[in-house]
Each structure stands twice: as structure tokens, then as C-alpha cells.
């Protein structure tokens, strides 16, 4: 049971950092106009959303 709690904390932290990184890249895109920043920001936001979905539905993915 402790491992599941730790996993939830770890994934939650990854969601927060992924969203923060996406915002950072979007701000860099706004400042520089470099398309690379936009693509990385969209990718980071997508990963954060996917991890958030996984975290919300963890009971379906992991049987405990």
C-alpha cells in the first residue's frame, strides 16, 4: 500500500513539473518566436495531461 501512495506522489509531482515546464516553454515561445519552444511546450503539456489522466484513473491501471 505504501508503494501506491509513493507512486501517486511521484506522478503528481511529474504532472506539476510537466505543466510548469510547458508554461515556461510557452513563455519562451512568446518571447523569442522560436517554433521549437512551441513544439516542446505542446509536448510537455500533452505529457502532463496524459499523466494526470493516469493519476486520476490509477485504480483502473493498477489492481491493489
N, C-alpha and C. Protein backbone atom coordinates (compact mmCIF):
# COMPACT_ATOMS: atom_id res chain seq x y z
N UNK A 1 0.82 -1.20 0.00
CA UNK A 1 0.00 0.00 0.00
C UNK A 1 0.86 1.26 0.00
N UNK A 2 1.98 1.22 0.73
CA UNK A 2 2.87 2.38 0.77
C UNK A 2 3.43 2.70 -0.62
N UNK A 3 3.65 1.66 -1.42
CA UNK A 3 4.20 1.87 -2.75
C UNK A 3 3.21 2.62 -3.65
N UNK A 4 1.92 2.34 -3.51
CA UNK A 4 0.90 3.04 -4.30
C UNK A 4 0.84 4.51 -3.89
N UNK A 5 0.93 4.79 -2.61
CA UNK A 5 0.92 6.18 -2.14
C UNK A 5 2.13 6.93 -2.70
N UNK A 6 3.29 6.29 -2.62
CA UNK A 6 4.50 6.90 -3.16
C UNK A 6 4.37 7.12 -4.67
N UNK A 7 3.75 6.17 -5.37
CA UNK A 7 3.56 6.29 -6.81
C UNK A 7 2.65 7.47 -7.13
N UNK A 8 1.59 7.64 -6.36
CA UNK A 8 0.69 8.78 -6.57
C UNK A 8 1.42 10.11 -6.37
N UNK A 9 2.24 10.19 -5.32
CA UNK A 9 3.01 11.41 -5.07
C UNK A 9 3.99 11.68 -6.21
N UNK A 10 4.65 10.63 -6.66
CA UNK A 10 5.63 10.76 -7.74
C UNK A 10 4.97 11.22 -9.04
N UNK A 11 3.85 10.63 -9.40
CA UNK A 11 3.15 11.01 -10.62
C UNK A 11 2.56 12.41 -10.49
N UNK A 12 2.04 12.74 -9.31
CA UNK A 12 1.52 14.09 -9.09
C UNK A 12 2.60 15.15 -9.25
N UNK A 13 3.79 14.85 -8.74
CA UNK A 13 4.92 15.76 -8.90
C UNK A 13 5.30 15.90 -10.37
N UNK A 14 5.25 14.80 -11.10
CA UNK A 14 5.57 14.84 -12.53
C UNK A 14 4.56 15.68 -13.29
N UNK A 15 3.30 15.62 -12.91
CA UNK A 15 2.26 16.43 -13.55
C UNK A 15 2.53 17.92 -13.31
N UNK A 16 2.85 18.26 -12.07
CA UNK A 16 3.10 19.67 -11.74
C UNK A 16 4.33 20.19 -12.48
N UNK A 17 5.41 19.42 -12.47
CA UNK A 17 6.61 19.87 -13.15
C UNK A 17 6.42 19.90 -14.67
N UNK A 18 5.67 18.95 -15.22
CA UNK A 18 5.39 18.96 -16.66
C UNK A 18 4.59 20.17 -17.07
N UNK A 19 3.59 20.51 -16.27
CA UNK A 19 2.78 21.70 -16.57
C UNK A 19 3.62 22.97 -16.44
N UNK A 20 4.45 23.01 -15.42
CA UNK A 20 5.33 24.17 -15.25
C UNK A 20 6.32 24.32 -16.39
N UNK A 21 6.87 23.20 -16.84
CA UNK A 21 7.80 23.24 -17.97
C UNK A 21 7.08 23.68 -19.25
N UNK A 22 5.85 23.24 -19.43
CA UNK A 22 5.08 23.65 -20.60
C UNK A 22 4.85 25.17 -20.58
N UNK A 23 4.48 25.70 -19.42
CA UNK A 23 4.28 27.15 -19.31
C UNK A 23 5.58 27.89 -19.60
N UNK A 24 6.69 27.38 -19.07
CA UNK A 24 7.98 28.00 -19.31
C UNK A 24 8.32 28.03 -20.80
N UNK A 25 8.05 26.93 -21.49
CA UNK A 25 8.32 26.88 -22.93
C UNK A 25 7.38 27.79 -23.72
N UNK A 26 6.11 27.88 -23.31
CA UNK A 26 5.19 28.78 -23.99
C UNK A 26 5.61 30.23 -23.82
N UNK A 27 6.09 30.57 -22.63
CA UNK A 27 6.59 31.93 -22.40
C UNK A 27 7.85 32.20 -23.23
N UNK A 28 8.70 31.20 -23.35
CA UNK A 28 9.89 31.35 -24.19
C UNK A 28 9.50 31.52 -25.66
N UNK A 29 8.47 30.81 -26.09
CA UNK A 29 7.99 30.96 -27.47
C UNK A 29 7.44 32.36 -27.69
N UNK A 30 6.71 32.86 -26.71
CA UNK A 30 6.15 34.21 -26.83
C UNK A 30 7.25 35.26 -26.88
N UNK A 31 8.35 35.00 -26.14
CA UNK A 31 9.44 35.96 -26.10
C UNK A 31 10.30 35.90 -27.36
N UNK A 32 10.60 34.67 -27.85
CA UNK A 32 11.54 34.53 -28.96
C UNK A 32 10.87 34.25 -30.30
N UNK A 33 9.72 33.60 -30.26
CA UNK A 33 9.05 33.24 -31.50
C UNK A 33 9.61 31.97 -32.14
N UNK A 34 10.47 31.26 -31.43
CA UNK A 34 11.07 30.03 -31.97
C UNK A 34 10.04 28.90 -31.92
N UNK A 35 9.84 28.26 -33.04
CA UNK A 35 8.85 27.20 -33.15
C UNK A 35 9.23 26.00 -32.26
N UNK A 36 10.50 25.80 -32.03
CA UNK A 36 10.95 24.68 -31.19
C UNK A 36 10.36 24.79 -29.78
N UNK A 37 10.33 26.02 -29.26
CA UNK A 37 9.76 26.22 -27.93
C UNK A 37 8.27 25.88 -27.91
N UNK A 38 7.57 26.23 -28.97
CA UNK A 38 6.15 25.92 -29.05
C UNK A 38 5.92 24.42 -29.10
N UNK A 39 6.71 23.71 -29.91
CA UNK A 39 6.55 22.26 -30.02
C UNK A 39 6.88 21.54 -28.72
N UNK A 40 7.94 21.97 -28.06
CA UNK A 40 8.31 21.36 -26.78
C UNK A 40 7.24 21.66 -25.73
N UNK A 41 6.70 22.86 -25.75
CA UNK A 41 5.63 23.21 -24.81
C UNK A 41 4.38 22.38 -25.03
N UNK A 42 4.01 22.17 -26.28
CA UNK A 42 2.84 21.35 -26.58
C UNK A 42 3.10 19.90 -26.14
N UNK A 43 4.30 19.40 -26.39
CA UNK A 43 4.64 18.05 -25.98
C UNK A 43 4.61 17.89 -24.46
N UNK A 44 5.17 18.84 -23.76
CA UNK A 44 5.19 18.79 -22.29
C UNK A 44 3.77 18.88 -21.73
N UNK A 45 2.94 19.72 -22.33
CA UNK A 45 1.55 19.82 -21.88
C UNK A 45 0.81 18.51 -22.14
N UNK A 46 1.08 17.89 -23.28
CA UNK A 46 0.46 16.59 -23.58
C UNK A 46 0.86 15.52 -22.59
N UNK A 47 2.14 15.49 -22.24
CA UNK A 47 2.61 14.51 -21.26
C UNK A 47 1.98 14.78 -19.89
N UNK A 48 1.87 16.04 -19.52
CA UNK A 48 1.26 16.38 -18.22
C UNK A 48 -0.20 15.97 -18.20
N UNK A 49 -0.91 16.16 -19.28
CA UNK A 49 -2.32 15.76 -19.35
C UNK A 49 -2.44 14.24 -19.29
N UNK A 50 -1.58 13.53 -20.02
CA UNK A 50 -1.62 12.07 -20.00
C UNK A 50 -1.31 11.52 -18.61
N UNK A 51 -0.33 12.08 -17.95
CA UNK A 51 -0.01 11.64 -16.59
C UNK A 51 -1.13 12.00 -15.61
N UNK A 52 -1.77 13.13 -15.82
CA UNK A 52 -2.91 13.49 -14.98
C UNK A 52 -4.06 12.52 -15.16
N UNK A 53 -4.30 12.09 -16.38
CA UNK A 53 -5.34 11.08 -16.64
C UNK A 53 -4.98 9.77 -15.97
N UNK A 54 -3.72 9.38 -16.07
CA UNK A 54 -3.25 8.16 -15.43
C UNK A 54 -3.42 8.24 -13.92
N UNK A 55 -3.07 9.37 -13.35
CA UNK A 55 -3.19 9.54 -11.90
C UNK A 55 -4.65 9.49 -11.45
N UNK A 56 -5.53 10.11 -12.23
CA UNK A 56 -6.95 10.13 -11.87
C UNK A 56 -7.55 8.73 -11.96
N UNK A 57 -7.11 7.93 -12.90
CA UNK A 57 -7.67 6.60 -13.13
C UNK A 57 -6.70 5.49 -12.73
N UNK A 58 -5.92 5.73 -11.71
CA UNK A 58 -4.89 4.76 -11.31
C UNK A 58 -5.49 3.43 -10.87
N UNK A 59 -6.66 3.46 -10.27
CA UNK A 59 -7.28 2.21 -9.81
C UNK A 59 -7.58 1.27 -10.97
N UNK A 60 -7.87 1.84 -12.14
CA UNK A 60 -8.14 1.00 -13.32
C UNK A 60 -6.86 0.37 -13.85
N UNK A 61 -5.73 1.06 -13.73
CA UNK A 61 -4.48 0.58 -14.29
C UNK A 61 -3.74 -0.37 -13.35
N UNK A 62 -3.89 -0.16 -12.06
CA UNK A 62 -3.16 -0.95 -11.06
C UNK A 62 -4.18 -1.61 -10.14
N UNK A 63 -4.11 -2.91 -10.03
CA UNK A 63 -5.03 -3.59 -9.13
C UNK A 63 -4.34 -3.79 -7.79
N UNK A 64 -4.95 -3.29 -6.75
CA UNK A 64 -4.41 -3.45 -5.41
C UNK A 64 -5.50 -3.69 -4.41
